[in-house]
Amino acid sequence: MTVARRVRVSGLVQGVFFRAWTQQQAQRIGVNGWVRNCPDGSVEAHLEGSESAVQDITERMRKGPSDARVDEVHVRDAEFDGFTRFEVRH
């Protein structure tokens, strides 16, 4: 079953390659969608894929890359948009 989720990660997550790292993780496990920095210092991602793949990347985002410090992660269901790749948005 394909699912779509919106994830917002807060903490020290900008300026530590969080977006590029998320893109690499998504491509590695077959999740499509996007990731972007938000004005409040958080990072937001739209994730689409199998339930297990989306859950896998969400768990990875709870830890983040080595230089990040993740304080909070909020996950909610989202509308499926049919993305065919994963992109970093600016």
PDB file of N, CA and C in Angstrom:
ATOM      1  N   MET A   1       0.845  -1.189   0.000  1.00  0.00           N
ATOM      2  CA  MET A   1       0.000   0.000   0.000  1.00  0.00           C
ATOM      3  C   MET A   1       0.890   1.252   0.000  1.00  0.00           C
ATOM      4  N   THR A   2       0.566   2.194  -0.856  1.00  0.00           N
ATOM      5  CA  THR A   2       1.322   3.443  -0.940  1.00  0.00           C
ATOM      6  C   THR A   2       0.710   4.468   0.005  1.00  0.00           C
ATOM      7  N   VAL A   3       1.588   5.162   0.736  1.00  0.00           N
ATOM      8  CA  VAL A   3       1.138   6.173   1.683  1.00  0.00           C
ATOM      9  C   VAL A   3       1.856   7.487   1.407  1.00  0.00           C
ATOM     10  N   ALA A   4       1.310   8.562   1.940  1.00  0.00           N
ATOM     11  CA  ALA A   4       1.945   9.887   1.871  1.00  0.00           C
ATOM     12  C   ALA A   4       1.912  10.486   3.266  1.00  0.00           C
ATOM     13  N   ARG A   5       3.054  11.027   3.682  1.00  0.00           N
ATOM     14  CA  ARG A   5       3.145  11.640   5.002  1.00  0.00           C
ATOM     15  C   ARG A   5       3.910  12.951   4.900  1.00  0.00           C
ATOM     16  N   ARG A   6       3.557  13.885   5.757  1.00  0.00           N
ATOM     17  CA  ARG A   6       4.280  15.144   5.898  1.00  0.00           C
ATOM     18  C   ARG A   6       5.024  15.080   7.223  1.00  0.00           C
ATOM     19  N   VAL A   7       6.316  15.352   7.180  1.00  0.00           N
ATOM     20  CA  VAL A   7       7.165  15.263   8.369  1.00  0.00           C
ATOM     21  C   VAL A   7       7.829  16.608   8.585  1.00  0.00           C
ATOM     22  N   ARG A   8       7.779  17.112   9.813  1.00  0.00           N
ATOM     23  CA  ARG A   8       8.482  18.349  10.173  1.00  0.00           C
ATOM     24  C   ARG A   8       9.445  18.014  11.303  1.00  0.00           C
ATOM     25  N   VAL A   9      10.710  18.367  11.083  1.00  0.00           N
ATOM     26  CA  VAL A   9      11.777  18.061  12.030  1.00  0.00           C
ATOM     27  C   VAL A   9      12.334  19.376  12.555  1.00  0.00           C
ATOM     28  N   SER A  10      12.424  19.506  13.884  1.00  0.00           N
ATOM     29  CA  SER A  10      12.987  20.727  14.460  1.00  0.00           C
ATOM     30  C   SER A  10      14.179  20.372  15.343  1.00  0.00           C
ATOM     31  N   GLY A  11      15.001  21.360  15.565  1.00  0.00           N
ATOM     32  CA  GLY A  11      16.242  21.212  16.314  1.00  0.00           C
ATOM     33  C   GLY A  11      17.346  21.900  15.514  1.00  0.00           C
ATOM     34  N   LEU A  12      18.550  21.376  15.576  1.00  0.00           N
ATOM     35  CA  LEU A  12      19.644  21.885  14.750  1.00  0.00           C
ATOM     36  C   LEU A  12      19.627  21.069  13.461  1.00  0.00           C
ATOM     37  N   VAL A  13      18.798  21.511  12.509  1.00  0.00           N
ATOM     38  CA  VAL A  13      18.578  20.723  11.285  1.00  0.00           C
ATOM     39  C   VAL A  13      18.820  21.522  10.007  1.00  0.00           C
ATOM     40  N   GLN A  14      19.176  22.786  10.133  1.00  0.00           N
ATOM     41  CA  GLN A  14      19.543  23.574   8.949  1.00  0.00           C
ATOM     42  C   GLN A  14      21.032  23.873   9.027  1.00  0.00           C
ATOM     43  N   GLY A  15      21.697  23.847   7.872  1.00  0.00           N
ATOM     44  CA  GLY A  15      23.125  24.105   7.829  1.00  0.00           C
ATOM     45  C   GLY A  15      23.965  22.899   8.212  1.00  0.00           C
ATOM     46  N   VAL A  16      23.333  21.713   8.274  1.00  0.00           N
ATOM     47  CA  VAL A  16      24.050  20.485   8.625  1.00  0.00           C
ATOM     48  C   VAL A  16      23.818  19.389   7.574  1.00  0.00           C
ATOM     49  N   PHE A  17      23.466  19.816   6.368  1.00  0.00           N
ATOM     50  CA  PHE A  17      23.241  18.900   5.231  1.00  0.00           C
ATOM     51  C   PHE A  17      22.055  17.970   5.445  1.00  0.00           C
ATOM     52  N   PHE A  18      21.081  18.392   6.256  1.00  0.00           N
ATOM     53  CA  PHE A  18      19.917  17.549   6.534  1.00  0.00           C
ATOM     54  C   PHE A  18      19.124  17.263   5.260  1.00  0.00           C
ATOM     55  N   ARG A  19      18.931  18.285   4.418  1.00  0.00           N
ATOM     56  CA  ARG A  19      18.144  18.075   3.194  1.00  0.00           C
ATOM     57  C   ARG A  19      18.835  17.110   2.242  1.00  0.00           C
ATOM     58  N   ALA A  20      20.127  17.309   1.998  1.00  0.00           N
ATOM     59  CA  ALA A  20      20.865  16.424   1.086  1.00  0.00           C
ATOM     60  C   ALA A  20      20.905  14.999   1.644  1.00  0.00           C
ATOM     61  N   TRP A  21      21.108  14.886   2.943  1.00  0.00           N
ATOM     62  CA  TRP A  21      21.127  13.575   3.590  1.00  0.00           C
ATOM     63  C   TRP A  21      19.763  12.889   3.444  1.00  0.00           C
ATOM     64  N   THR A  22      18.676  13.642   3.651  1.00  0.00           N
ATOM     65  CA  THR A  22      17.330  13.078   3.511  1.00  0.00           C
ATOM     66  C   THR A  22      17.097  12.600   2.085  1.00  0.00           C
ATOM     67  N   GLN A  23      17.533  13.382   1.109  1.00  0.00           N
ATOM     68  CA  GLN A  23      17.387  12.975  -0.290  1.00  0.00           C
ATOM     69  C   GLN A  23      18.145  11.666  -0.550  1.00  0.00           C
ATOM     70  N   GLN A  24      19.349  11.553  -0.048  1.00  0.00           N
ATOM     71  CA  GLN A  24      20.131  10.328  -0.234  1.00  0.00           C
ATOM     72  C   GLN A  24      19.429   9.130   0.402  1.00  0.00           C
ATOM     73  N   GLN A  25      18.919   9.311   1.616  1.00  0.00           N
ATOM     74  CA  GLN A  25      18.222   8.220   2.302  1.00  0.00           C
ATOM     75  C   GLN A  25      16.969   7.816   1.530  1.00  0.00           C
ATOM     76  N   ALA A  26      16.217   8.803   1.054  1.00  0.00           N
ATOM     77  CA  ALA A  26      14.980   8.527   0.318  1.00  0.00           C
ATOM     78  C   ALA A  26      15.272   7.753  -0.967  1.00  0.00           C
ATOM     79  N   GLN A  27      16.279   8.193  -1.701  1.00  0.00           N
ATOM     80  CA  GLN A  27      16.630   7.516  -2.948  1.00  0.00           C
ATOM     81  C   GLN A  27      17.107   6.093  -2.679  1.00  0.00           C
ATOM     82  N   ARG A  28      17.816   5.898  -1.593  1.00  0.00           N
ATOM     83  CA  ARG A  28      18.346   4.578  -1.238  1.00  0.00           C
ATOM     84  C   ARG A  28      17.219   3.588  -0.944  1.00  0.00           C
ATOM     85  N   ILE A  29      16.136   4.052  -0.310  1.00  0.00           N
ATOM     86  CA  ILE A  29      15.083   3.111   0.088  1.00  0.00           C
ATOM     87  C   ILE A  29      13.807   3.224  -0.755  1.00  0.00           C
ATOM     88  N   GLY A  30      13.838   4.071  -1.783  1.00  0.00           N
ATOM     89  CA  GLY A  30      12.719   4.119  -2.722  1.00  0.00           C
ATOM     90  C   GLY A  30      11.541   4.965  -2.298  1.00  0.00           C
ATOM     91  N   VAL A  31      11.815   6.094  -1.633  1.00  0.00           N
ATOM     92  CA  VAL A  31      10.755   7.033  -1.253  1.00  0.00           C
ATOM     93  C   VAL A  31      10.838   8.245  -2.168  1.00  0.00           C
ATOM     94  N   ASN A  32       9.696   8.712  -2.641  1.00  0.00           N
ATOM     95  CA  ASN A  32       9.618   9.905  -3.487  1.00  0.00           C
ATOM     96  C   ASN A  32       9.027  11.059  -2.699  1.00  0.00           C
ATOM     97  N   GLY A  33       9.212  12.288  -3.237  1.00  0.00           N
ATOM     98  CA  GLY A  33       8.659  13.475  -2.601  1.00  0.00           C
ATOM     99  C   GLY A  33       9.649  14.612  -2.609  1.00  0.00           C
ATOM    100  N   TRP A  34       9.716  15.356  -1.508  1.00  0.00           N
ATOM    101  CA  TRP A  34      10.606  16.514  -1.432  1.00  0.00           C
ATOM    102  C   TRP A  34      10.964  16.826   0.019  1.00  0.00           C
ATOM    103  N   VAL A  35      11.992  17.662   0.166  1.00  0.00           N
ATOM    104  CA  VAL A  35      12.401  18.168   1.477  1.00  0.00           C
ATOM    105  C   VAL A  35      12.800  19.629   1.311  1.00  0.00           C
ATOM    106  N   ARG A  36      12.510  20.458   2.307  1.00  0.00           N
ATOM    107  CA  ARG A  36      12.849  21.883   2.234  1.00  0.00           C
ATOM    108  C   ARG A  36      13.083  22.449   3.623  1.00  0.00           C
ATOM    109  N   ASN A  37      13.842  23.542   3.670  1.00  0.00           N
ATOM    110  CA  ASN A  37      14.004  24.311   4.902  1.00  0.00           C
ATOM    111  C   ASN A  37      12.790  25.201   5.084  1.00  0.00           C
ATOM    112  N   CYS A  38      12.398  25.413   6.326  1.00  0.00           N
ATOM    113  CA  CYS A  38      11.287  26.304   6.649  1.00  0.00           C
ATOM    114  C   CYS A  38      11.839  27.555   7.334  1.00  0.00           C
ATOM    115  N   PRO A  39      11.114  28.683   7.222  1.00  0.00           N
ATOM    116  CA  PRO A  39      11.578  29.940   7.821  1.00  0.00           C
ATOM    117  C   PRO A  39      11.808  29.868   9.332  1.00  0.00           C
ATOM    118  N   ASP A  40      11.117  28.962  10.028  1.00  0.00           N
ATOM    119  CA  ASP A  40      11.264  28.869  11.486  1.00  0.00           C
ATOM    120  C   ASP A  40      12.470  28.035  11.916  1.00  0.00           C
ATOM    121  N   GLY A  41      13.292  27.571  10.969  1.00  0.00           N
ATOM    122  CA  GLY A  41      14.481  26.792  11.288  1.00  0.00           C
ATOM    123  C   GLY A  41      14.276  25.294  11.245  1.00  0.00           C
ATOM    124  N   SER A  42      13.052  24.871  10.998  1.00  0.00           N
ATOM    125  CA  SER A  42      12.781  23.434  10.891  1.00  0.00           C
ATOM    126  C   SER A  42      12.988  22.971   9.451  1.00  0.00           C
ATOM    127  N   VAL A  43      12.879  21.670   9.252  1.00  0.00           N
ATOM    128  CA  VAL A  43      12.927  21.065   7.920  1.00  0.00           C
ATOM    129  C   VAL A  43      11.629  20.305   7.741  1.00  0.00           C
ATOM    130  N   GLU A  44      11.015  20.458   6.560  1.00  0.00           N
ATOM    131  CA  GLU A  44       9.759  19.784   6.258  1.00  0.00           C
ATOM    132  C   GLU A  44       9.962  18.875   5.059  1.00  0.00           C
ATOM    133  N   ALA A  45       9.336  17.707   5.099  1.00  0.00           N
ATOM    134  CA  ALA A  45       9.430  16.768   3.984  1.00  0.00           C
ATOM    135  C   ALA A  45       8.062  16.203   3.661  1.00  0.00           C
ATOM    136  N   HIS A  46       7.841  15.940   2.372  1.00  0.00           N
ATOM    137  CA  HIS A  46       6.667  15.216   1.896  1.00  0.00           C
ATOM    138  C   HIS A  46       7.194  13.886   1.390  1.00  0.00           C
ATOM    139  N   LEU A  47       6.697  12.803   1.969  1.00  0.00           N
ATOM    140  CA  LEU A  47       7.211  11.471   1.680  1.00  0.00           C
ATOM    141  C   LEU A  47       6.120  10.596   1.089  1.00  0.00           C
ATOM    142  N   GLU A  48       6.428   9.911  -0.002  1.00  0.00           N
ATOM    143  CA  GLU A  48       5.488   8.983  -0.628  1.00  0.00           C
ATOM    144  C   GLU A  48       6.200   7.671  -0.930  1.00  0.00           C
ATOM    145  N   GLY A  49       5.531   6.572  -0.620  1.00  0.00           N
ATOM    146  CA  GLY A  49       6.094   5.255  -0.896  1.00  0.00           C
ATOM    147  C   GLY A  49       5.325   4.200  -0.141  1.00  0.00           C
ATOM    148  N   SER A  50       5.909   3.014  -0.073  1.00  0.00           N
ATOM    149  CA  SER A  50       5.262   1.954   0.687  1.00  0.00           C
ATOM    150  C   SER A  50       5.253   2.335   2.168  1.00  0.00           C
ATOM    151  N   GLU A  51       4.320   1.764   2.892  1.00  0.00           N
ATOM    152  CA  GLU A  51       4.219   2.039   4.334  1.00  0.00           C
ATOM    153  C   GLU A  51       5.552   1.774   5.028  1.00  0.00           C
ATOM    154  N   SER A  52       6.188   0.660   4.707  1.00  0.00           N
ATOM    155  CA  SER A  52       7.438   0.312   5.386  1.00  0.00           C
ATOM    156  C   SER A  52       8.572   1.258   5.004  1.00  0.00           C
ATOM    157  N   ALA A  53       8.649   1.676   3.737  1.00  0.00           N
ATOM    158  CA  ALA A  53       9.713   2.592   3.315  1.00  0.00           C
ATOM    159  C   ALA A  53       9.531   3.972   3.936  1.00  0.00           C
ATOM    160  N   VAL A  54       8.305   4.469   3.977  1.00  0.00           N
ATOM    161  CA  VAL A  54       8.043   5.781   4.584  1.00  0.00           C
ATOM    162  C   VAL A  54       8.307   5.728   6.087  1.00  0.00           C
ATOM    163  N   GLN A  55       7.945   4.630   6.724  1.00  0.00           N
ATOM    164  CA  GLN A  55       8.230   4.482   8.150  1.00  0.00           C
ATOM    165  C   GLN A  55       9.743   4.427   8.374  1.00  0.00           C
ATOM    166  N   ASP A  56      10.459   3.741   7.494  1.00  0.00           N
ATOM    167  CA  ASP A  56      11.912   3.620   7.607  1.00  0.00           C
ATOM    168  C   ASP A  56      12.582   4.994   7.523  1.00  0.00           C
ATOM    169  N   ILE A  57      12.236   5.783   6.508  1.00  0.00           N
ATOM    170  CA  ILE A  57      12.891   7.094   6.380  1.00  0.00           C
ATOM    171  C   ILE A  57      12.475   8.025   7.516  1.00  0.00           C
ATOM    172  N   THR A  58      11.243   7.916   7.981  1.00  0.00           N
ATOM    173  CA  THR A  58      10.808   8.739   9.110  1.00  0.00           C
ATOM    174  C   THR A  58      11.654   8.421  10.342  1.00  0.00           C
ATOM    175  N   GLU A  59      11.913   7.153  10.584  1.00  0.00           N
ATOM    176  CA  GLU A  59      12.756   6.771  11.722  1.00  0.00           C
ATOM    177  C   GLU A  59      14.176   7.288  11.531  1.00  0.00           C
ATOM    178  N   ARG A  60      14.695   7.241  10.322  1.00  0.00           N
ATOM    179  CA  ARG A  60      16.034   7.777  10.057  1.00  0.00           C
ATOM    180  C   ARG A  60      16.069   9.280  10.308  1.00  0.00           C
ATOM    181  N   MET A  61      14.997   9.974   9.928  1.00  0.00           N
ATOM    182  CA  MET A  61      14.932  11.422  10.132  1.00  0.00           C
ATOM    183  C   MET A  61      14.866  11.777  11.618  1.00  0.00           C
ATOM    184  N   ARG A  62      14.412  10.884  12.450  1.00  0.00           N
ATOM    185  CA  ARG A  62      14.380  11.119  13.897  1.00  0.00           C
ATOM    186  C   ARG A  62      15.797  11.228  14.469  1.00  0.00           C
ATOM    187  N   LYS A  63      16.770  10.648  13.766  1.00  0.00           N
ATOM    188  CA  LYS A  63      18.174  10.733  14.184  1.00  0.00           C
ATOM    189  C   LYS A  63      18.914  11.782  13.362  1.00  0.00           C
ATOM    190  N   GLY A  64      18.688  11.792  12.037  1.00  0.00           N
ATOM    191  CA  GLY A  64      19.323  12.760  11.153  1.00  0.00           C
ATOM    192  C   GLY A  64      20.783  12.434  10.882  1.00  0.00           C
ATOM    193  N   PRO A  65      21.433  13.290  10.094  1.00  0.00           N
ATOM    194  CA  PRO A  65      22.860  13.103   9.824  1.00  0.00           C
ATOM    195  C   PRO A  65      23.683  13.388  11.081  1.00  0.00           C
ATOM    196  N   SER A  66      24.947  13.045  11.048  1.00  0.00           N
ATOM    197  CA  SER A  66      25.784  13.095  12.261  1.00  0.00           C
ATOM    198  C   SER A  66      25.887  14.482  12.886  1.00  0.00           C
ATOM    199  N   ASP A  67      25.862  15.562  12.099  1.00  0.00           N
ATOM    200  CA  ASP A  67      26.008  16.910  12.660  1.00  0.00           C
ATOM    201  C   ASP A  67      24.687  17.530  13.125  1.00  0.00           C
ATOM    202  N   ALA A  68      23.579  16.860  12.867  1.00  0.00           N
ATOM    203  CA  ALA A  68      22.272  17.396  13.251  1.00  0.00           C
ATOM    204  C   ALA A  68      21.946  17.045  14.696  1.00  0.00           C
ATOM    205  N   ARG A  69      21.024  17.834  15.274  1.00  0.00           N
ATOM    206  CA  ARG A  69      20.445  17.527  16.579  1.00  0.00           C
ATOM    207  C   ARG A  69      18.929  17.626  16.413  1.00  0.00           C
ATOM    208  N   VAL A  70      18.258  16.514  16.423  1.00  0.00           N
ATOM    209  CA  VAL A  70      16.807  16.483  16.241  1.00  0.00           C
ATOM    210  C   VAL A  70      16.137  16.563  17.605  1.00  0.00           C
ATOM    211  N   ASP A  71      15.306  17.594  17.779  1.00  0.00           N
ATOM    212  CA  ASP A  71      14.580  17.770  19.036  1.00  0.00           C
ATOM    213  C   ASP A  71      13.159  17.229  18.956  1.00  0.00           C
ATOM    214  N   GLU A  72      12.484  17.514  17.849  1.00  0.00           N
ATOM    215  CA  GLU A  72      11.091  17.089  17.691  1.00  0.00           C
ATOM    216  C   GLU A  72      10.832  16.649  16.260  1.00  0.00           C
ATOM    217  N   VAL A  73       9.942  15.665  16.111  1.00  0.00           N
ATOM    218  CA  VAL A  73       9.507  15.206  14.799  1.00  0.00           C
ATOM    219  C   VAL A  73       7.994  15.090  14.840  1.00  0.00           C
ATOM    220  N   HIS A  74       7.330  15.778  13.925  1.00  0.00           N
ATOM    221  CA  HIS A  74       5.872  15.702  13.808  1.00  0.00           C
ATOM    222  C   HIS A  74       5.543  15.045  12.471  1.00  0.00           C
ATOM    223  N   VAL A  75       4.690  14.031  12.518  1.00  0.00           N
ATOM    224  CA  VAL A  75       4.307  13.279  11.325  1.00  0.00           C
ATOM    225  C   VAL A  75       2.795  13.324  11.194  1.00  0.00           C
ATOM    226  N   ARG A  76       2.327  13.602   9.983  1.00  0.00           N
ATOM    227  CA  ARG A  76       0.877  13.554   9.738  1.00  0.00           C
ATOM    228  C   ARG A  76       0.631  12.975   8.350  1.00  0.00           C
ATOM    229  N   ASP A  77      -0.532  12.420   8.148  1.00  0.00           N
ATOM    230  CA  ASP A  77      -0.907  11.927   6.831  1.00  0.00           C
ATOM    231  C   ASP A  77      -1.030  13.088   5.866  1.00  0.00           C
ATOM    232  N   ALA A  78      -0.754  12.830   4.597  1.00  0.00           N
ATOM    233  CA  ALA A  78      -0.818  13.872   3.572  1.00  0.00           C
ATOM    234  C   ALA A  78      -1.513  13.320   2.333  1.00  0.00           C
ATOM    235  N   GLU A  79      -1.859  14.213   1.443  1.00  0.00           N
ATOM    236  CA  GLU A  79      -2.447  13.820   0.168  1.00  0.00           C
ATOM    237  C   GLU A  79      -1.363  13.226  -0.725  1.00  0.00           C
ATOM    238  N   PHE A  80      -1.683  12.151  -1.415  1.00  0.00           N
ATOM    239  CA  PHE A  80      -0.747  11.521  -2.341  1.00  0.00           C
ATOM    240  C   PHE A  80      -0.700  12.356  -3.627  1.00  0.00           C
ATOM    241  N   ASP A  81       0.511  12.796  -4.012  1.00  0.00           N
ATOM    242  CA  ASP A  81       0.675  13.638  -5.199  1.00  0.00           C
ATOM    243  C   ASP A  81       1.287  12.903  -6.385  1.00  0.00           C
ATOM    244  N   GLY A  82       1.756  11.683  -6.192  1.00  0.00           N
ATOM    245  CA  GLY A  82       2.297  10.899  -7.292  1.00  0.00           C
ATOM    246  C   GLY A  82       3.686  11.300  -7.736  1.00  0.00           C
ATOM    247  N   PHE A  83       4.543  11.734  -6.816  1.00  0.00           N
ATOM    248  CA  PHE A  83       5.914  12.099  -7.172  1.00  0.00           C
ATOM    249  C   PHE A  83       6.637  10.874  -7.728  1.00  0.00           C
ATOM    250  N   THR A  84       7.549  11.110  -8.672  1.00  0.00           N
ATOM    251  CA  THR A  84       8.299  10.005  -9.287  1.00  0.00           C
ATOM    252  C   THR A  84       9.786  10.073  -8.935  1.00  0.00           C
ATOM    253  N   ARG A  85      10.174  11.053  -8.111  1.00  0.00           N
ATOM    254  CA  ARG A  85      11.548  11.160  -7.647  1.00  0.00           C
ATOM    255  C   ARG A  85      11.536  11.929  -6.333  1.00  0.00           C
ATOM    256  N   PHE A  86      12.713  12.099  -5.739  1.00  0.00           N
ATOM    257  CA  PHE A  86      12.826  12.861  -4.497  1.00  0.00           C
ATOM    258  C   PHE A  86      13.705  14.065  -4.748  1.00  0.00           C
ATOM    259  N   GLU A  87      13.209  15.252  -4.402  1.00  0.00           N
ATOM    260  CA  GLU A  87      13.957  16.476  -4.694  1.00  0.00           C
ATOM    261  C   GLU A  87      14.155  17.338  -3.455  1.00  0.00           C
ATOM    262  N   VAL A  88      15.230  18.100  -3.491  1.00  0.00           N
ATOM    263  CA  VAL A  88      15.484  19.118  -2.478  1.00  0.00           C
ATOM    264  C   VAL A  88      14.896  20.421  -2.997  1.00  0.00           C
ATOM    265  N   ARG A  89      14.000  20.996  -2.242  1.00  0.00           N
ATOM    266  CA  ARG A  89      13.396  22.281  -2.653  1.00  0.00           C
ATOM    267  C   ARG A  89      14.080  23.409  -1.941  1.00  0.00           C
ATOM    268  N   HIS A  90      14.192  24.549  -2.652  1.00  0.00           N
ATOM    269  CA  HIS A  90      14.867  25.727  -2.094  1.00  0.00           C
ATOM    270  C   HIS A  90      13.885  26.865  -1.935  1.00  0.00           C
TER     271      HIS A  90
END
